N, C-alpha and C. Protein backbone atom coordinates (compact mmCIF):
# COMPACT_ATOMS: atom_id res chain seq x y z
N MET A 1 83.19 114.33 109.75
CA MET A 1 84.22 113.43 109.26
C MET A 1 85.23 113.18 110.37
N LYS A 2 85.56 111.92 110.57
CA LYS A 2 86.59 111.56 111.55
C LYS A 2 87.27 110.29 111.07
N LYS A 3 88.58 110.31 111.01
CA LYS A 3 89.36 109.13 110.62
C LYS A 3 90.52 108.97 111.60
N ASP A 4 90.65 107.76 112.10
CA ASP A 4 91.78 107.40 112.95
C ASP A 4 92.61 106.38 112.18
N ILE A 5 93.85 106.72 111.90
CA ILE A 5 94.70 105.94 111.01
C ILE A 5 96.01 105.61 111.71
N ILE A 6 96.41 104.36 111.61
CA ILE A 6 97.73 103.95 112.09
C ILE A 6 98.59 103.65 110.88
N LEU A 7 99.76 104.27 110.84
CA LEU A 7 100.75 104.03 109.79
C LEU A 7 101.86 103.19 110.40
N ALA A 8 102.25 102.13 109.71
CA ALA A 8 103.25 101.22 110.27
C ALA A 8 104.27 100.81 109.22
N GLY A 9 105.48 100.61 109.68
CA GLY A 9 106.55 100.14 108.81
C GLY A 9 107.85 100.11 109.58
N VAL A 10 108.93 100.20 108.86
CA VAL A 10 110.25 100.24 109.48
C VAL A 10 111.01 101.45 108.97
N GLY A 11 112.03 101.85 109.72
CA GLY A 11 112.81 103.02 109.36
C GLY A 11 113.32 102.96 107.93
N GLY A 12 113.13 104.04 107.21
CA GLY A 12 113.59 104.12 105.83
C GLY A 12 112.51 103.82 104.81
N GLN A 13 111.32 103.42 105.25
CA GLN A 13 110.26 103.08 104.31
C GLN A 13 109.33 104.24 103.97
N GLY A 14 109.50 105.38 104.60
CA GLY A 14 108.71 106.55 104.23
C GLY A 14 107.36 106.67 104.92
N ILE A 15 107.24 106.12 106.12
CA ILE A 15 106.00 106.22 106.87
C ILE A 15 105.66 107.69 107.14
N LEU A 16 106.65 108.47 107.52
CA LEU A 16 106.39 109.86 107.86
C LEU A 16 106.08 110.69 106.62
N SER A 17 106.55 110.26 105.45
CA SER A 17 106.17 110.93 104.20
C SER A 17 104.70 110.70 103.89
N ILE A 18 104.22 109.47 104.14
CA ILE A 18 102.78 109.20 103.96
C ILE A 18 101.99 110.13 104.88
N ALA A 19 102.40 110.21 106.13
CA ALA A 19 101.70 111.07 107.09
C ALA A 19 101.72 112.52 106.64
N ALA A 20 102.84 112.99 106.13
CA ALA A 20 102.95 114.39 105.70
C ALA A 20 101.99 114.68 104.55
N VAL A 21 101.86 113.75 103.61
CA VAL A 21 100.94 113.95 102.48
C VAL A 21 99.50 113.99 102.98
N ILE A 22 99.13 113.03 103.82
CA ILE A 22 97.76 113.02 104.35
C ILE A 22 97.49 114.27 105.16
N ASP A 23 98.44 114.66 106.02
CA ASP A 23 98.30 115.87 106.83
C ASP A 23 98.05 117.09 105.93
N SER A 24 98.87 117.25 104.92
CA SER A 24 98.78 118.40 104.03
C SER A 24 97.42 118.44 103.33
N ALA A 25 96.98 117.30 102.81
CA ALA A 25 95.68 117.24 102.12
C ALA A 25 94.54 117.54 103.08
N ALA A 26 94.58 116.97 104.27
CA ALA A 26 93.52 117.20 105.26
C ALA A 26 93.46 118.66 105.69
N LEU A 27 94.62 119.24 105.92
CA LEU A 27 94.65 120.65 106.33
C LEU A 27 94.15 121.57 105.22
N SER A 28 94.41 121.20 103.97
CA SER A 28 93.93 122.02 102.85
C SER A 28 92.41 122.04 102.78
N LEU A 29 91.77 121.03 103.37
CA LEU A 29 90.31 120.96 103.40
C LEU A 29 89.73 121.57 104.68
N GLY A 30 90.60 122.09 105.53
CA GLY A 30 90.14 122.71 106.76
C GLY A 30 89.93 121.74 107.91
N TYR A 31 90.36 120.49 107.74
CA TYR A 31 90.22 119.52 108.82
C TYR A 31 91.26 119.76 109.89
N LYS A 32 90.97 119.29 111.06
CA LYS A 32 91.92 119.32 112.16
C LYS A 32 92.71 118.01 112.12
N VAL A 33 93.99 118.08 112.46
CA VAL A 33 94.87 116.92 112.39
C VAL A 33 95.69 116.84 113.67
N LYS A 34 95.83 115.63 114.20
CA LYS A 34 96.75 115.36 115.31
C LYS A 34 97.54 114.13 114.92
N GLN A 35 98.83 114.16 115.25
CA GLN A 35 99.70 113.05 114.89
C GLN A 35 100.68 112.78 116.01
N ALA A 36 100.88 111.51 116.30
CA ALA A 36 101.89 111.07 117.25
C ALA A 36 102.70 109.99 116.55
N GLU A 37 103.99 110.00 116.75
CA GLU A 37 104.81 109.01 116.06
C GLU A 37 105.88 108.45 116.98
N VAL A 38 106.25 107.22 116.68
CA VAL A 38 107.35 106.55 117.37
C VAL A 38 108.34 106.15 116.30
N HIS A 39 109.55 106.59 116.46
CA HIS A 39 110.59 106.32 115.47
C HIS A 39 111.52 105.23 115.97
N GLY A 40 111.84 104.28 115.12
CA GLY A 40 112.89 103.33 115.41
C GLY A 40 114.05 103.62 114.48
N MET A 41 114.16 104.89 114.06
CA MET A 41 115.10 105.21 113.00
C MET A 41 116.53 105.40 113.47
N SER A 42 116.77 105.26 114.76
CA SER A 42 118.17 105.34 115.18
C SER A 42 118.93 104.20 114.54
N GLN A 43 118.18 103.22 114.10
CA GLN A 43 118.75 102.10 113.36
C GLN A 43 117.84 101.85 112.17
N ARG A 44 118.39 101.97 110.97
CA ARG A 44 117.58 101.72 109.78
C ARG A 44 116.98 100.33 109.90
N GLY A 45 115.68 100.23 109.67
CA GLY A 45 115.00 98.95 109.81
C GLY A 45 114.28 98.80 111.13
N GLY A 46 114.45 99.78 112.06
CA GLY A 46 113.71 99.73 113.32
C GLY A 46 112.25 100.09 113.10
N ALA A 47 111.38 99.62 113.96
CA ALA A 47 109.95 99.85 113.83
C ALA A 47 109.63 101.35 113.87
N VAL A 48 108.72 101.77 112.99
CA VAL A 48 108.21 103.13 112.96
C VAL A 48 106.70 103.05 112.87
N GLN A 49 106.03 103.79 113.71
CA GLN A 49 104.57 103.85 113.60
C GLN A 49 104.10 105.26 113.93
N SER A 50 102.96 105.59 113.39
CA SER A 50 102.39 106.91 113.62
C SER A 50 100.88 106.77 113.80
N HIS A 51 100.36 107.47 114.78
CA HIS A 51 98.91 107.60 114.95
C HIS A 51 98.54 108.92 114.28
N LEU A 52 97.58 108.87 113.37
CA LEU A 52 97.16 110.05 112.63
C LEU A 52 95.65 110.17 112.77
N ARG A 53 95.21 111.28 113.32
CA ARG A 53 93.78 111.51 113.55
C ARG A 53 93.35 112.74 112.77
N ILE A 54 92.27 112.60 112.02
CA ILE A 54 91.73 113.68 111.19
C ILE A 54 90.26 113.84 111.54
N SER A 55 89.81 115.09 111.67
CA SER A 55 88.41 115.31 112.00
C SER A 55 87.97 116.71 111.57
N ASP A 56 86.68 116.85 111.36
CA ASP A 56 86.14 118.18 111.09
C ASP A 56 85.76 118.89 112.39
N SER A 57 85.95 118.22 113.52
CA SER A 57 85.72 118.84 114.82
C SER A 57 86.98 118.68 115.67
N GLU A 58 86.96 119.27 116.84
CA GLU A 58 88.14 119.27 117.71
C GLU A 58 88.62 117.85 118.03
N ILE A 59 89.93 117.67 118.05
CA ILE A 59 90.57 116.39 118.42
C ILE A 59 91.33 116.67 119.71
N TYR A 60 91.06 115.89 120.74
CA TYR A 60 91.68 116.18 122.03
C TYR A 60 92.92 115.34 122.33
N SER A 61 93.08 114.22 121.64
CA SER A 61 94.25 113.37 121.89
C SER A 61 94.86 112.98 120.55
N ASP A 62 96.16 112.82 120.54
CA ASP A 62 96.81 112.39 119.31
C ASP A 62 96.98 110.87 119.26
N LEU A 63 96.56 110.17 120.30
CA LEU A 63 96.70 108.71 120.33
C LEU A 63 95.36 108.03 120.02
N ILE A 64 95.46 106.91 119.34
CA ILE A 64 94.30 106.11 118.98
C ILE A 64 94.19 104.96 119.96
N GLY A 65 93.02 104.76 120.50
CA GLY A 65 92.81 103.70 121.47
C GLY A 65 92.66 102.34 120.82
N LEU A 66 92.75 101.29 121.63
CA LEU A 66 92.54 99.94 121.14
C LEU A 66 91.16 99.84 120.52
N LYS A 67 91.06 99.06 119.45
CA LYS A 67 89.81 98.81 118.72
C LYS A 67 89.15 100.09 118.21
N SER A 68 89.96 101.10 117.86
CA SER A 68 89.42 102.39 117.43
C SER A 68 89.89 102.85 116.05
N ALA A 69 90.92 102.23 115.49
CA ALA A 69 91.47 102.69 114.21
C ALA A 69 90.55 102.30 113.05
N ASP A 70 90.28 103.27 112.20
CA ASP A 70 89.49 103.04 111.00
C ASP A 70 90.33 102.37 109.92
N LEU A 71 91.64 102.57 110.00
CA LEU A 71 92.52 102.13 108.92
C LEU A 71 93.93 101.92 109.46
N ILE A 72 94.56 100.84 109.02
CA ILE A 72 95.99 100.63 109.23
C ILE A 72 96.62 100.61 107.85
N ILE A 73 97.57 101.50 107.63
CA ILE A 73 98.34 101.52 106.38
C ILE A 73 99.74 101.04 106.75
N SER A 74 100.16 99.94 106.14
CA SER A 74 101.46 99.37 106.49
C SER A 74 102.31 99.14 105.24
N VAL A 75 103.55 99.55 105.33
CA VAL A 75 104.49 99.33 104.24
C VAL A 75 105.28 98.03 104.47
N GLU A 76 105.00 97.35 105.57
CA GLU A 76 105.68 96.09 105.89
C GLU A 76 104.65 95.18 106.57
N PRO A 77 104.44 93.96 106.06
CA PRO A 77 103.34 93.13 106.55
C PRO A 77 103.42 92.69 108.00
N MET A 78 104.59 92.38 108.51
CA MET A 78 104.67 91.99 109.92
C MET A 78 104.30 93.17 110.82
N GLU A 79 104.74 94.36 110.44
CA GLU A 79 104.42 95.55 111.22
C GLU A 79 102.92 95.79 111.25
N CYS A 80 102.24 95.47 110.18
CA CYS A 80 100.78 95.63 110.16
C CYS A 80 100.14 94.78 111.25
N LEU A 81 100.62 93.56 111.43
CA LEU A 81 100.03 92.66 112.42
C LEU A 81 100.24 93.14 113.85
N ARG A 82 101.31 93.89 114.09
CA ARG A 82 101.55 94.43 115.44
C ARG A 82 100.40 95.32 115.92
N TYR A 83 99.72 95.96 114.97
CA TYR A 83 98.74 96.99 115.32
C TYR A 83 97.29 96.54 115.16
N ILE A 84 97.07 95.28 114.87
CA ILE A 84 95.71 94.75 114.72
C ILE A 84 94.86 95.01 115.97
N PRO A 85 95.42 94.95 117.19
CA PRO A 85 94.59 95.25 118.37
C PRO A 85 93.97 96.67 118.35
N PHE A 86 94.52 97.56 117.55
CA PHE A 86 93.99 98.92 117.46
C PHE A 86 92.86 99.03 116.43
N LEU A 87 92.70 98.05 115.58
CA LEU A 87 91.74 98.11 114.49
C LEU A 87 90.31 98.00 115.00
N SER A 88 89.45 98.89 114.52
CA SER A 88 88.03 98.84 114.91
C SER A 88 87.36 97.65 114.23
N GLU A 89 86.18 97.34 114.69
CA GLU A 89 85.43 96.20 114.16
C GLU A 89 85.20 96.31 112.65
N ASN A 90 85.03 97.54 112.15
CA ASN A 90 84.80 97.75 110.72
C ASN A 90 86.00 98.35 110.01
N GLY A 91 87.16 98.32 110.66
CA GLY A 91 88.36 98.92 110.10
C GLY A 91 88.97 98.10 108.97
N TRP A 92 89.77 98.77 108.18
CA TRP A 92 90.47 98.17 107.04
C TRP A 92 91.97 98.12 107.29
N VAL A 93 92.60 97.11 106.73
CA VAL A 93 94.07 97.00 106.71
C VAL A 93 94.51 97.08 105.26
N VAL A 94 95.44 97.98 105.00
CA VAL A 94 96.04 98.13 103.68
C VAL A 94 97.53 97.90 103.90
N THR A 95 98.06 96.82 103.33
CA THR A 95 99.46 96.47 103.59
C THR A 95 100.20 96.06 102.34
N SER A 96 101.48 96.33 102.37
CA SER A 96 102.37 95.82 101.34
C SER A 96 102.66 94.35 101.62
N ARG A 97 102.92 93.61 100.59
CA ARG A 97 103.32 92.21 100.73
C ARG A 97 104.84 92.08 100.78
N ASP A 98 105.54 93.20 100.74
CA ASP A 98 107.00 93.20 100.69
C ASP A 98 107.58 93.11 102.10
N CYS A 99 108.19 91.99 102.39
CA CYS A 99 108.75 91.75 103.73
C CYS A 99 110.14 92.35 103.86
N MET A 100 110.39 92.99 104.99
CA MET A 100 111.73 93.45 105.33
C MET A 100 112.16 92.63 106.54
N LYS A 101 112.92 91.61 106.29
CA LYS A 101 113.32 90.67 107.34
C LYS A 101 114.45 91.28 108.16
N ASN A 102 114.04 92.13 109.09
CA ASN A 102 114.99 92.93 109.85
C ASN A 102 115.28 92.39 111.25
N ILE A 103 114.69 91.24 111.59
CA ILE A 103 114.95 90.61 112.88
C ILE A 103 115.24 89.13 112.68
N ALA A 104 115.97 88.54 113.60
CA ALA A 104 116.40 87.14 113.46
C ALA A 104 115.22 86.17 113.45
N ASN A 105 114.18 86.46 114.21
CA ASN A 105 113.05 85.53 114.30
C ASN A 105 111.85 86.01 113.46
N TYR A 106 112.14 86.63 112.34
CA TYR A 106 111.06 87.07 111.45
C TYR A 106 110.21 85.86 111.07
N PRO A 107 108.88 85.97 111.14
CA PRO A 107 108.04 84.80 110.86
C PRO A 107 108.14 84.33 109.42
N GLU A 108 107.80 83.07 109.21
CA GLU A 108 107.74 82.54 107.85
C GLU A 108 106.69 83.33 107.07
N GLU A 109 107.01 83.66 105.82
CA GLU A 109 106.09 84.47 105.02
C GLU A 109 104.72 83.80 104.88
N GLU A 110 104.70 82.49 104.71
CA GLU A 110 103.43 81.78 104.55
C GLU A 110 102.55 81.98 105.79
N GLU A 111 103.16 81.88 106.96
CA GLU A 111 102.44 82.08 108.23
C GLU A 111 101.95 83.52 108.35
N LEU A 112 102.81 84.46 108.01
CA LEU A 112 102.50 85.87 108.08
C LEU A 112 101.29 86.21 107.21
N PHE A 113 101.32 85.76 105.96
CA PHE A 113 100.23 86.08 105.04
C PHE A 113 98.96 85.31 105.37
N ALA A 114 99.08 84.16 106.01
CA ALA A 114 97.89 83.43 106.47
C ALA A 114 97.17 84.25 107.54
N GLN A 115 97.93 84.91 108.42
CA GLN A 115 97.33 85.77 109.45
C GLN A 115 96.64 86.98 108.83
N ILE A 116 97.28 87.57 107.84
CA ILE A 116 96.69 88.72 107.16
C ILE A 116 95.43 88.29 106.42
N GLU A 117 95.47 87.14 105.79
CA GLU A 117 94.33 86.65 105.02
C GLU A 117 93.10 86.44 105.90
N LYS A 118 93.29 86.16 107.18
CA LYS A 118 92.17 85.96 108.10
C LYS A 118 91.41 87.25 108.42
N LEU A 119 92.04 88.38 108.16
CA LEU A 119 91.40 89.66 108.48
C LEU A 119 90.19 89.87 107.56
N PRO A 120 89.08 90.37 108.09
CA PRO A 120 87.87 90.49 107.27
C PRO A 120 87.93 91.57 106.19
N ARG A 121 88.65 92.67 106.43
CA ARG A 121 88.73 93.76 105.46
C ARG A 121 90.20 94.12 105.28
N LYS A 122 90.78 93.64 104.19
CA LYS A 122 92.19 93.88 103.95
C LYS A 122 92.47 93.95 102.46
N ILE A 123 93.54 94.67 102.14
CA ILE A 123 94.08 94.71 100.79
C ILE A 123 95.59 94.58 100.96
N ALA A 124 96.18 93.61 100.28
CA ALA A 124 97.64 93.42 100.31
C ALA A 124 98.14 93.48 98.88
N VAL A 125 99.14 94.31 98.64
CA VAL A 125 99.66 94.50 97.28
C VAL A 125 101.18 94.38 97.26
N ASP A 126 101.70 94.10 96.09
CA ASP A 126 103.15 94.07 95.87
C ASP A 126 103.60 95.50 95.56
N ALA A 127 103.71 96.30 96.59
CA ALA A 127 103.97 97.73 96.45
C ALA A 127 105.31 98.03 95.79
N GLU A 128 106.34 97.27 96.14
CA GLU A 128 107.65 97.56 95.58
C GLU A 128 107.67 97.35 94.06
N LYS A 129 107.01 96.31 93.61
CA LYS A 129 106.92 96.04 92.16
C LYS A 129 106.21 97.20 91.45
N LEU A 130 105.09 97.64 92.01
CA LEU A 130 104.36 98.75 91.41
C LEU A 130 105.19 100.03 91.44
N ALA A 131 105.92 100.24 92.51
CA ALA A 131 106.77 101.44 92.62
C ALA A 131 107.89 101.41 91.58
N ARG A 132 108.52 100.24 91.40
CA ARG A 132 109.57 100.13 90.37
C ARG A 132 109.00 100.46 89.00
N GLU A 133 107.80 99.96 88.73
CA GLU A 133 107.16 100.24 87.44
C GLU A 133 106.85 101.73 87.29
N ALA A 134 106.62 102.42 88.41
CA ALA A 134 106.36 103.86 88.38
C ALA A 134 107.64 104.68 88.25
N GLY A 135 108.79 104.04 88.50
CA GLY A 135 110.05 104.74 88.32
C GLY A 135 111.06 104.60 89.44
N SER A 136 110.62 104.13 90.64
CA SER A 136 111.55 103.97 91.74
C SER A 136 110.94 103.10 92.83
N ALA A 137 111.69 102.09 93.27
CA ALA A 137 111.23 101.23 94.37
C ALA A 137 111.02 102.03 95.64
N LYS A 138 111.71 103.17 95.76
CA LYS A 138 111.57 104.01 96.95
C LYS A 138 110.16 104.59 97.09
N ALA A 139 109.39 104.57 96.04
CA ALA A 139 108.03 105.14 96.07
C ALA A 139 106.98 104.12 96.52
N SER A 140 107.41 102.99 97.08
CA SER A 140 106.43 101.98 97.51
C SER A 140 105.52 102.52 98.60
N ASN A 141 106.01 103.46 99.41
CA ASN A 141 105.15 104.07 100.43
C ASN A 141 103.99 104.84 99.78
N ILE A 142 104.28 105.51 98.68
CA ILE A 142 103.24 106.30 98.01
C ILE A 142 102.29 105.37 97.25
N VAL A 143 102.78 104.22 96.80
CA VAL A 143 101.86 103.20 96.27
C VAL A 143 100.85 102.85 97.35
N MET A 144 101.32 102.61 98.56
CA MET A 144 100.43 102.24 99.66
C MET A 144 99.45 103.36 99.98
N LEU A 145 99.89 104.60 99.88
CA LEU A 145 98.99 105.73 100.06
C LEU A 145 97.88 105.68 99.01
N GLY A 146 98.25 105.37 97.77
CA GLY A 146 97.25 105.26 96.70
C GLY A 146 96.24 104.16 96.98
N VAL A 147 96.72 103.02 97.46
CA VAL A 147 95.82 101.91 97.80
C VAL A 147 94.85 102.35 98.90
N ALA A 148 95.35 103.10 99.87
CA ALA A 148 94.54 103.53 101.01
C ALA A 148 93.63 104.71 100.71
N ALA A 149 93.87 105.42 99.63
CA ALA A 149 93.16 106.67 99.34
C ALA A 149 91.63 106.57 99.46
N PRO A 150 90.99 105.52 98.95
CA PRO A 150 89.53 105.47 99.06
C PRO A 150 89.00 105.39 100.49
N PHE A 151 89.84 105.04 101.44
CA PHE A 151 89.42 104.87 102.83
C PHE A 151 89.71 106.11 103.69
N LEU A 152 90.33 107.12 103.11
CA LEU A 152 90.78 108.29 103.88
C LEU A 152 89.72 109.37 104.04
N GLY A 153 88.72 109.40 103.16
CA GLY A 153 87.73 110.47 103.23
C GLY A 153 88.28 111.80 102.73
N ILE A 154 89.32 111.73 101.91
CA ILE A 154 89.95 112.92 101.34
C ILE A 154 89.96 112.74 99.82
N ALA A 155 89.54 113.76 99.09
CA ALA A 155 89.48 113.68 97.63
C ALA A 155 90.86 113.37 97.05
N VAL A 156 90.85 112.54 96.02
CA VAL A 156 92.09 112.13 95.35
C VAL A 156 92.87 113.34 94.83
N ASP A 157 92.18 114.33 94.29
CA ASP A 157 92.89 115.50 93.77
C ASP A 157 93.63 116.25 94.87
N LYS A 158 93.08 116.25 96.09
CA LYS A 158 93.76 116.91 97.22
C LYS A 158 95.00 116.12 97.63
N LEU A 159 94.92 114.79 97.58
CA LEU A 159 96.09 113.95 97.89
C LEU A 159 97.17 114.14 96.84
N ARG A 160 96.77 114.19 95.57
CA ARG A 160 97.75 114.40 94.49
C ARG A 160 98.45 115.76 94.65
N LYS A 161 97.68 116.80 94.97
CA LYS A 161 98.26 118.12 95.18
C LYS A 161 99.23 118.11 96.36
N ALA A 162 98.85 117.39 97.42
CA ALA A 162 99.73 117.29 98.59
C ALA A 162 101.04 116.58 98.24
N ILE A 163 100.98 115.56 97.39
CA ILE A 163 102.21 114.89 96.92
C ILE A 163 103.11 115.90 96.22
N GLU A 164 102.51 116.72 95.36
CA GLU A 164 103.30 117.74 94.66
C GLU A 164 103.97 118.70 95.64
N ILE A 165 103.24 119.09 96.67
CA ILE A 165 103.78 120.03 97.66
C ILE A 165 104.90 119.38 98.49
N ILE A 166 104.65 118.19 98.99
CA ILE A 166 105.61 117.52 99.88
C ILE A 166 106.92 117.19 99.15
N PHE A 167 106.83 116.82 97.87
CA PHE A 167 108.04 116.43 97.13
C PHE A 167 108.59 117.55 96.25
N ALA A 168 108.07 118.76 96.36
CA ALA A 168 108.48 119.87 95.50
C ALA A 168 109.98 120.14 95.55
N GLU A 169 110.57 120.07 96.73
CA GLU A 169 112.01 120.35 96.87
C GLU A 169 112.88 119.35 96.12
N LYS A 170 112.34 118.17 95.84
CA LYS A 170 113.13 117.12 95.18
C LYS A 170 113.06 117.19 93.67
N GLY A 171 112.24 118.08 93.14
CA GLY A 171 112.18 118.28 91.70
C GLY A 171 111.04 117.54 91.03
N GLN A 172 110.78 117.96 89.78
CA GLN A 172 109.63 117.45 89.04
C GLN A 172 109.73 115.96 88.75
N LYS A 173 110.92 115.45 88.51
CA LYS A 173 111.07 114.01 88.22
C LYS A 173 110.57 113.18 89.42
N ILE A 174 110.93 113.56 90.62
CA ILE A 174 110.51 112.82 91.83
C ILE A 174 109.01 113.01 92.05
N ILE A 175 108.51 114.20 91.81
CA ILE A 175 107.06 114.42 91.91
C ILE A 175 106.33 113.47 90.96
N ASP A 176 106.79 113.41 89.71
CA ASP A 176 106.13 112.58 88.71
C ASP A 176 106.18 111.09 89.07
N ILE A 177 107.31 110.64 89.57
CA ILE A 177 107.43 109.23 90.01
C ILE A 177 106.42 108.95 91.11
N ASN A 178 106.32 109.85 92.07
CA ASN A 178 105.40 109.64 93.19
C ASN A 178 103.94 109.73 92.76
N LEU A 179 103.62 110.59 91.82
CA LEU A 179 102.25 110.64 91.31
C LEU A 179 101.90 109.34 90.57
N ARG A 180 102.86 108.82 89.78
CA ARG A 180 102.62 107.54 89.10
C ARG A 180 102.46 106.41 90.12
N ALA A 181 103.27 106.43 91.17
CA ALA A 181 103.17 105.41 92.22
C ALA A 181 101.81 105.50 92.92
N PHE A 182 101.38 106.71 93.22
CA PHE A 182 100.07 106.91 93.84
C PHE A 182 98.96 106.34 92.95
N ASP A 183 99.01 106.67 91.66
CA ASP A 183 98.00 106.19 90.72
C ASP A 183 98.02 104.67 90.59
N ALA A 184 99.20 104.08 90.63
CA ALA A 184 99.31 102.61 90.57
C ALA A 184 98.65 101.98 91.78
N GLY A 185 98.85 102.56 92.94
CA GLY A 185 98.19 102.05 94.15
C GLY A 185 96.69 102.25 94.09
N LEU A 186 96.27 103.40 93.64
CA LEU A 186 94.84 103.69 93.50
C LEU A 186 94.16 102.69 92.58
N ALA A 187 94.85 102.31 91.51
CA ALA A 187 94.29 101.36 90.53
C ALA A 187 94.07 99.97 91.14
N CYS A 188 94.77 99.65 92.22
CA CYS A 188 94.58 98.33 92.86
C CYS A 188 93.18 98.16 93.41
N ASN A 189 92.49 99.25 93.66
CA ASN A 189 91.12 99.19 94.18
C ASN A 189 90.10 98.90 93.09
N ASN A 190 90.52 98.97 91.85
CA ASN A 190 89.60 98.74 90.73
C ASN A 190 89.73 97.35 90.15
N GLN A 191 90.48 96.47 90.80
CA GLN A 191 90.71 95.15 90.24
C GLN A 191 89.83 94.11 90.91
């Protein structure tokens, strides 16, 4: 088993929480994990991305090469497009349709989604809406994790357990919201 995943979004969207859940679930299965991240969090809304590599054998680098990513998980659609050069020929893009217009020259939404629509393997969802329905718009990152779950090569029950572990300090209410958000994202694959 080997998965190379790029996580993309902007500061405050919970990219590193997605990585923590995946890391925890993968490690519980005995997989090796390497992660590299770039934070733009010195300013809320700055670009954040993480390279996440999971394998059942040794991983020598934490960076993913061009045309090598199996999956891009993005909580912001423009950020997803930044990393398309890293996507492998058979890779998938899982992105939120929720735009965070954090720069003056943010592209027109119609143009942005036309570019995403051209991708051969993609899923785009209204993550914030699903997260609100689950109990909190802040859980849109975990909605995206749920959408991406079938592409991770990690059992859903291990991801759910990792959500419980990662959010344990925040209490049962937050755990429950995140589990509902995860399930809402997972259900997007059945439509």
